[in-house]
Amino acid sequence: MSSSSEQARKAYAEFEEKVKRTVLLENLSPHVTASVIKTAVDQFGTAVNVEFIPNYTLPYNIPQAALVEMEDPKHVDTVISMMTDFPFMMSGMPRPVRARRAQPEMFADRPSPDRKMQVRWVDPSDPDFEAAKKLKLLAKGHHVETLALIKKQLEEEEKLAKQQLEMLTANYKKYEMIENVMKDDTLGRLARHYGISLADE
């Protein structure tokens, strides 16, 4: 029994170290992927794992938040500091992402050796019945409000994604045009025509 308890404490201690190495990213784009987040965060340290936090209360599969485990706890402070002071770049575009330290309760698989959960039906004659009923109605109201906000967010995200794609396409065409001008000697002919030297000084 003591051996089992000791193993549980050891597992929880290892979990606490993992929490210290993890940063929570919020307000993510619905189109984001784990590889995109890892590439973006690797600018500030080494990300070893990306885990999206599922929202079971919504009928949408939206990666609104993710837990990013870093290789070193110091990298967590760097990520938070950089994302607080500068725009967070994803796929070449700034995103309004928020970052903060992860907390143990954010992990679905957290070990809890001392936690005990009790579940019971509440009878209408129970003193807690009215309170439970009010909480249920309040939760339903929050659910409806959340769905409306998420729908609006998806519409805004779709517009933003379209604008970003147009900007990326326009920039790509500009660089492609510059590259073609360099390759077909158009730039050289223009330089000779206007008497401009392109030689490196």
C-alpha atoms as a PDB file:
ATOM      1  CA  MET A   1       0.000   0.000   0.000  1.00  0.00           C
ATOM      2  CA  SER A   2       2.803   2.389   0.954  1.00  0.00           C
ATOM      3  CA  SER A   3       4.644   1.490  -2.253  1.00  0.00           C
ATOM      4  CA  SER A   4       1.563   2.343  -4.314  1.00  0.00           C
ATOM      5  CA  SER A   5       1.148   5.638  -2.468  1.00  0.00           C
ATOM      6  CA  GLU A   6       4.817   6.447  -2.995  1.00  0.00           C
ATOM      7  CA  GLN A   7       4.528   5.766  -6.720  1.00  0.00           C
ATOM      8  CA  ALA A   8       1.475   8.024  -6.877  1.00  0.00           C
ATOM      9  CA  ARG A   9       3.372  10.841  -5.157  1.00  0.00           C
ATOM     10  CA  LYS A  10       6.319  10.346  -7.506  1.00  0.00           C
ATOM     11  CA  ALA A  11       4.023  10.447 -10.539  1.00  0.00           C
ATOM     12  CA  TYR A  12       2.414  13.646  -9.289  1.00  0.00           C
ATOM     13  CA  ALA A  13       5.834  15.231  -8.651  1.00  0.00           C
ATOM     14  CA  GLU A  14       6.814  14.457 -12.255  1.00  0.00           C
ATOM     15  CA  PHE A  15       3.510  15.916 -13.402  1.00  0.00           C
ATOM     16  CA  GLU A  16       4.192  19.129 -11.455  1.00  0.00           C
ATOM     17  CA  GLU A  17       7.535  19.463 -13.251  1.00  0.00           C
ATOM     18  CA  LYS A  18       5.708  19.051 -16.556  1.00  0.00           C
ATOM     19  CA  VAL A  19       3.280  21.821 -15.574  1.00  0.00           C
ATOM     20  CA  LYS A  20       6.218  24.155 -14.904  1.00  0.00           C
ATOM     21  CA  ARG A  21       7.481  23.507 -18.440  1.00  0.00           C
ATOM     22  CA  THR A  22       4.093  24.138 -20.062  1.00  0.00           C
ATOM     23  CA  VAL A  23       2.551  27.330 -21.416  1.00  0.00           C
ATOM     24  CA  LEU A  24      -1.124  27.847 -22.251  1.00  0.00           C
ATOM     25  CA  LEU A  25      -1.902  29.516 -25.586  1.00  0.00           C
ATOM     26  CA  GLU A  26      -5.401  30.978 -25.919  1.00  0.00           C
ATOM     27  CA  ASN A  27      -7.442  32.665 -28.650  1.00  0.00           C
ATOM     28  CA  LEU A  28      -6.028  30.444 -31.372  1.00  0.00           C
ATOM     29  CA  SER A  29      -7.288  30.362 -34.925  1.00  0.00           C
ATOM     30  CA  PRO A  30      -9.758  27.548 -35.744  1.00  0.00           C
ATOM     31  CA  HIS A  31      -7.445  26.625 -38.625  1.00  0.00           C
ATOM     32  CA  VAL A  32      -4.318  26.188 -36.510  1.00  0.00           C
ATOM     33  CA  THR A  33      -2.498  22.845 -36.306  1.00  0.00           C
ATOM     34  CA  ALA A  34      -0.008  21.389 -33.842  1.00  0.00           C
ATOM     35  CA  SER A  35       2.843  21.669 -36.365  1.00  0.00           C
ATOM     36  CA  VAL A  36       2.072  25.364 -36.970  1.00  0.00           C
ATOM     37  CA  ILE A  37       2.124  26.092 -33.223  1.00  0.00           C
ATOM     38  CA  LYS A  38       5.354  24.132 -32.733  1.00  0.00           C
ATOM     39  CA  THR A  39       7.069  25.983 -35.577  1.00  0.00           C
ATOM     40  CA  ALA A  40       5.945  29.341 -34.183  1.00  0.00           C
ATOM     41  CA  VAL A  41       6.920  28.591 -30.567  1.00  0.00           C
ATOM     42  CA  ASP A  42      10.286  27.127 -31.586  1.00  0.00           C
ATOM     43  CA  GLN A  43      11.369  30.732 -32.214  1.00  0.00           C
ATOM     44  CA  PHE A  44      11.604  31.161 -28.427  1.00  0.00           C
ATOM     45  CA  GLY A  45      12.669  27.688 -27.287  1.00  0.00           C
ATOM     46  CA  THR A  46      12.121  24.023 -28.021  1.00  0.00           C
ATOM     47  CA  ALA A  47       8.537  22.762 -27.917  1.00  0.00           C
ATOM     48  CA  VAL A  48       8.397  19.035 -27.169  1.00  0.00           C
ATOM     49  CA  ASN A  49       4.624  18.538 -27.207  1.00  0.00           C
ATOM     50  CA  VAL A  50       1.449  20.370 -28.255  1.00  0.00           C
ATOM     51  CA  GLU A  51      -1.892  19.304 -26.789  1.00  0.00           C
ATOM     52  CA  PHE A  52      -5.150  21.010 -27.732  1.00  0.00           C
ATOM     53  CA  ILE A  53      -7.690  21.514 -24.961  1.00  0.00           C
ATOM     54  CA  PRO A  54     -11.028  20.133 -26.187  1.00  0.00           C
ATOM     55  CA  ASN A  55     -14.218  22.026 -25.434  1.00  0.00           C
ATOM     56  CA  TYR A  56     -16.905  19.398 -24.952  1.00  0.00           C
ATOM     57  CA  THR A  57     -19.636  22.007 -24.484  1.00  0.00           C
ATOM     58  CA  LEU A  58     -19.518  23.154 -28.117  1.00  0.00           C
ATOM     59  CA  PRO A  59     -20.692  21.390 -31.287  1.00  0.00           C
ATOM     60  CA  TYR A  60     -17.634  22.767 -33.099  1.00  0.00           C
ATOM     61  CA  ASN A  61     -14.168  21.243 -33.236  1.00  0.00           C
ATOM     62  CA  ILE A  62     -12.326  24.494 -32.532  1.00  0.00           C
ATOM     63  CA  PRO A  63      -8.750  24.510 -31.210  1.00  0.00           C
ATOM     64  CA  GLN A  64      -9.235  27.628 -29.095  1.00  0.00           C
ATOM     65  CA  ALA A  65      -6.486  26.775 -26.621  1.00  0.00           C
ATOM     66  CA  ALA A  66      -3.432  24.546 -26.467  1.00  0.00           C
ATOM     67  CA  LEU A  67      -0.948  23.385 -23.855  1.00  0.00           C
ATOM     68  CA  VAL A  68       2.593  23.596 -25.206  1.00  0.00           C
ATOM     69  CA  GLU A  69       5.236  21.711 -23.238  1.00  0.00           C
ATOM     70  CA  MET A  70       8.680  23.270 -23.558  1.00  0.00           C
ATOM     71  CA  GLU A  71      12.026  21.571 -23.096  1.00  0.00           C
ATOM     72  CA  ASP A  72      13.091  24.004 -20.365  1.00  0.00           C
ATOM     73  CA  PRO A  73      10.933  25.910 -17.813  1.00  0.00           C
ATOM     74  CA  LYS A  74      12.848  29.092 -18.729  1.00  0.00           C
ATOM     75  CA  HIS A  75      11.414  28.863 -22.238  1.00  0.00           C
ATOM     76  CA  VAL A  76       7.923  29.327 -20.769  1.00  0.00           C
ATOM     77  CA  ASP A  77       8.874  32.763 -19.428  1.00  0.00           C
ATOM     78  CA  THR A  78      10.408  33.650 -22.791  1.00  0.00           C
ATOM     79  CA  VAL A  79       7.269  32.656 -24.711  1.00  0.00           C
ATOM     80  CA  ILE A  80       4.995  34.625 -22.364  1.00  0.00           C
ATOM     81  CA  SER A  81       7.251  37.686 -22.453  1.00  0.00           C
ATOM     82  CA  MET A  82       7.626  37.710 -26.234  1.00  0.00           C
ATOM     83  CA  MET A  83       3.930  37.148 -26.889  1.00  0.00           C
ATOM     84  CA  THR A  84       3.023  39.915 -24.449  1.00  0.00           C
ATOM     85  CA  ASP A  85       5.339  42.466 -26.059  1.00  0.00           C
ATOM     86  CA  PHE A  86       5.167  41.454 -29.729  1.00  0.00           C
ATOM     87  CA  PRO A  87       2.603  40.069 -32.210  1.00  0.00           C
ATOM     88  CA  PHE A  88       2.659  36.288 -32.348  1.00  0.00           C
ATOM     89  CA  MET A  89       3.459  35.201 -35.902  1.00  0.00           C
ATOM     90  CA  MET A  90       1.754  32.121 -37.339  1.00  0.00           C
ATOM     91  CA  SER A  91       2.258  31.158 -40.982  1.00  0.00           C
ATOM     92  CA  GLY A  92       3.741  34.588 -41.624  1.00  0.00           C
ATOM     93  CA  MET A  93       0.788  36.477 -40.129  1.00  0.00           C
ATOM     94  CA  PRO A  94       0.315  38.087 -36.680  1.00  0.00           C
ATOM     95  CA  ARG A  95      -2.271  36.443 -34.427  1.00  0.00           C
ATOM     96  CA  PRO A  96      -3.946  37.890 -31.282  1.00  0.00           C
ATOM     97  CA  VAL A  97      -2.832  34.907 -29.195  1.00  0.00           C
ATOM     98  CA  ARG A  98      -2.543  35.133 -25.405  1.00  0.00           C
ATOM     99  CA  ALA A  99      -0.016  33.166 -23.367  1.00  0.00           C
ATOM    100  CA  ARG A 100       0.149  32.340 -19.666  1.00  0.00           C
ATOM    101  CA  ARG A 101       1.534  29.671 -17.385  1.00  0.00           C
ATOM    102  CA  ALA A 102      -0.305  26.371 -17.347  1.00  0.00           C
ATOM    103  CA  GLN A 103      -2.129  25.202 -14.219  1.00  0.00           C
ATOM    104  CA  PRO A 104      -2.554  21.574 -13.056  1.00  0.00           C
ATOM    105  CA  GLU A 105      -6.332  21.606 -13.554  1.00  0.00           C
ATOM    106  CA  MET A 106      -5.856  22.354 -17.271  1.00  0.00           C
ATOM    107  CA  PHE A 107      -4.555  18.822 -17.920  1.00  0.00           C
ATOM    108  CA  ALA A 108      -7.179  16.166 -18.608  1.00  0.00           C
ATOM    109  CA  ASP A 109      -4.772  13.351 -17.681  1.00  0.00           C
ATOM    110  CA  ARG A 110      -3.440  14.901 -14.480  1.00  0.00           C
ATOM    111  CA  PRO A 111      -2.745  12.377 -11.712  1.00  0.00           C
ATOM    112  CA  SER A 112      -4.673  13.102  -8.528  1.00  0.00           C
ATOM    113  CA  PRO A 113      -3.855  10.487  -5.891  1.00  0.00           C
ATOM    114  CA  ASP A 114      -5.681  12.315  -3.101  1.00  0.00           C
ATOM    115  CA  ARG A 115      -8.733  13.436  -5.061  1.00  0.00           C
ATOM    116  CA  LYS A 116     -12.056  11.703  -4.507  1.00  0.00           C
ATOM    117  CA  MET A 117     -15.179  12.471  -6.493  1.00  0.00           C
ATOM    118  CA  GLN A 118     -18.692  11.797  -5.276  1.00  0.00           C
ATOM    119  CA  VAL A 119     -21.702  11.775  -7.587  1.00  0.00           C
ATOM    120  CA  ARG A 120     -25.320  11.495  -6.493  1.00  0.00           C
ATOM    121  CA  TRP A 121     -28.821  12.221  -7.757  1.00  0.00           C
ATOM    122  CA  VAL A 122     -30.508  15.216  -6.159  1.00  0.00           C
ATOM    123  CA  ASP A 123     -34.107  14.558  -5.168  1.00  0.00           C
ATOM    124  CA  PRO A 124     -36.664  17.424  -5.478  1.00  0.00           C
ATOM    125  CA  SER A 125     -37.069  17.314  -1.713  1.00  0.00           C
ATOM    126  CA  ASP A 126     -33.327  17.733  -1.208  1.00  0.00           C
ATOM    127  CA  PRO A 127     -32.251  21.165   0.162  1.00  0.00           C
ATOM    128  CA  ASP A 128     -29.701  21.431  -2.666  1.00  0.00           C
ATOM    129  CA  PHE A 129     -32.277  20.770  -5.405  1.00  0.00           C
ATOM    130  CA  GLU A 130     -33.195  24.426  -6.046  1.00  0.00           C
ATOM    131  CA  ALA A 131     -29.548  25.482  -6.131  1.00  0.00           C
ATOM    132  CA  ALA A 132     -28.737  22.680  -8.579  1.00  0.00           C
ATOM    133  CA  LYS A 133     -31.723  23.656 -10.737  1.00  0.00           C
ATOM    134  CA  LYS A 134     -30.583  27.295 -10.877  1.00  0.00           C
ATOM    135  CA  LEU A 135     -27.067  26.212 -11.807  1.00  0.00           C
ATOM    136  CA  LYS A 136     -28.462  24.014 -14.576  1.00  0.00           C
ATOM    137  CA  LEU A 137     -30.503  26.891 -16.035  1.00  0.00           C
ATOM    138  CA  LEU A 138     -27.523  29.220 -15.733  1.00  0.00           C
ATOM    139  CA  ALA A 139     -25.325  26.704 -17.564  1.00  0.00           C
ATOM    140  CA  LYS A 140     -27.890  26.459 -20.371  1.00  0.00           C
ATOM    141  CA  GLY A 141     -27.934  30.244 -20.712  1.00  0.00           C
ATOM    142  CA  HIS A 142     -24.143  30.365 -20.854  1.00  0.00           C
ATOM    143  CA  HIS A 143     -24.169  27.623 -23.477  1.00  0.00           C
ATOM    144  CA  VAL A 144     -26.492  29.603 -25.772  1.00  0.00           C
ATOM    145  CA  GLU A 145     -24.424  32.776 -25.338  1.00  0.00           C
ATOM    146  CA  THR A 146     -21.195  30.891 -26.005  1.00  0.00           C
ATOM    147  CA  LEU A 147     -22.562  29.358 -29.204  1.00  0.00           C
ATOM    148  CA  ALA A 148     -23.533  32.811 -30.477  1.00  0.00           C
ATOM    149  CA  LEU A 149     -20.066  34.178 -29.704  1.00  0.00           C
ATOM    150  CA  ILE A 150     -18.347  31.195 -31.318  1.00  0.00           C
ATOM    151  CA  LYS A 151     -20.456  31.580 -34.459  1.00  0.00           C
ATOM    152  CA  LYS A 152     -19.460  35.239 -34.661  1.00  0.00           C
ATOM    153  CA  GLN A 153     -15.820  34.342 -34.056  1.00  0.00           C
ATOM    154  CA  LEU A 154     -15.869  31.756 -36.846  1.00  0.00           C
ATOM    155  CA  GLU A 155     -17.269  34.338 -39.252  1.00  0.00           C
ATOM    156  CA  GLU A 156     -14.563  36.839 -38.261  1.00  0.00           C
ATOM    157  CA  GLU A 157     -11.857  34.179 -38.499  1.00  0.00           C
ATOM    158  CA  GLU A 158     -13.021  33.218 -41.978  1.00  0.00           C
ATOM    159  CA  LYS A 159     -12.846  36.851 -43.099  1.00  0.00           C
ATOM    160  CA  LEU A 160      -9.407  37.250 -41.522  1.00  0.00           C
ATOM    161  CA  ALA A 161      -8.123  34.052 -43.131  1.00  0.00           C
ATOM    162  CA  LYS A 162      -9.354  35.263 -46.526  1.00  0.00           C
ATOM    163  CA  GLN A 163      -7.654  38.650 -46.080  1.00  0.00           C
ATOM    164  CA  GLN A 164      -4.409  37.010 -44.998  1.00  0.00           C
ATOM    165  CA  LEU A 165      -4.488  34.648 -47.974  1.00  0.00           C
ATOM    166  CA  GLU A 166      -4.994  37.589 -50.331  1.00  0.00           C
ATOM    167  CA  MET A 167      -2.059  39.430 -48.728  1.00  0.00           C
ATOM    168  CA  LEU A 168       0.192  36.378 -48.941  1.00  0.00           C
ATOM    169  CA  THR A 169      -0.773  35.819 -52.580  1.00  0.00           C
ATOM    170  CA  ALA A 170      -0.105  39.471 -53.451  1.00  0.00           C
ATOM    171  CA  ASN A 171       3.288  39.425 -51.706  1.00  0.00           C
ATOM    172  CA  TYR A 172       4.218  36.167 -53.419  1.00  0.00           C
ATOM    173  CA  LYS A 173       3.380  37.642 -56.823  1.00  0.00           C
ATOM    174  CA  LYS A 174       5.530  40.704 -56.074  1.00  0.00           C
ATOM    175  CA  TYR A 175       8.539  38.598 -55.122  1.00  0.00           C
ATOM    176  CA  GLU A 176       7.937  36.328 -58.105  1.00  0.00           C
ATOM    177  CA  MET A 177       7.909  39.357 -60.415  1.00  0.00           C
ATOM    178  CA  ILE A 178      11.151  40.665 -58.882  1.00  0.00           C
ATOM    179  CA  GLU A 179      12.781  37.255 -59.304  1.00  0.00           C
ATOM    180  CA  ASN A 180      11.691  37.046 -62.946  1.00  0.00           C
ATOM    181  CA  VAL A 181      13.042  40.545 -63.605  1.00  0.00           C
ATOM    182  CA  MET A 182      16.398  39.466 -62.198  1.00  0.00           C
ATOM    183  CA  LYS A 183      16.462  36.218 -64.181  1.00  0.00           C
ATOM    184  CA  ASP A 184      15.551  37.526 -67.662  1.00  0.00           C
ATOM    185  CA  ASP A 185      17.994  40.469 -67.448  1.00  0.00           C
ATOM    186  CA  THR A 186      15.185  43.033 -67.554  1.00  0.00           C
ATOM    187  CA  LEU A 187      16.819  44.760 -64.602  1.00  0.00           C
ATOM    188  CA  GLY A 188      20.158  44.824 -66.390  1.00  0.00           C
ATOM    189  CA  ARG A 189      18.657  46.342 -69.535  1.00  0.00           C
ATOM    190  CA  LEU A 190      16.891  49.020 -67.489  1.00  0.00           C
ATOM    191  CA  ALA A 191      20.132  49.792 -65.655  1.00  0.00           C
ATOM    192  CA  ARG A 192      22.061  50.149 -68.907  1.00  0.00           C
ATOM    193  CA  HIS A 193      19.299  52.278 -70.407  1.00  0.00           C
ATOM    194  CA  TYR A 194      19.357  54.731 -67.499  1.00  0.00           C
ATOM    195  CA  GLY A 195      23.113  54.534 -66.974  1.00  0.00           C
ATOM    196  CA  ILE A 196      22.921  52.960 -63.523  1.00  0.00           C
ATOM    197  CA  SER A 197      25.638  50.633 -62.266  1.00  0.00           C
ATOM    198  CA  LEU A 198      24.423  47.474 -60.531  1.00  0.00           C
ATOM    199  CA  ALA A 199      27.901  46.282 -59.606  1.00  0.00           C
ATOM    200  CA  ASP A 200      28.516  45.689 -55.894  1.00  0.00           C
ATOM    201  CA  GLU A 201      30.716  48.351 -54.403  1.00  0.00           C
END
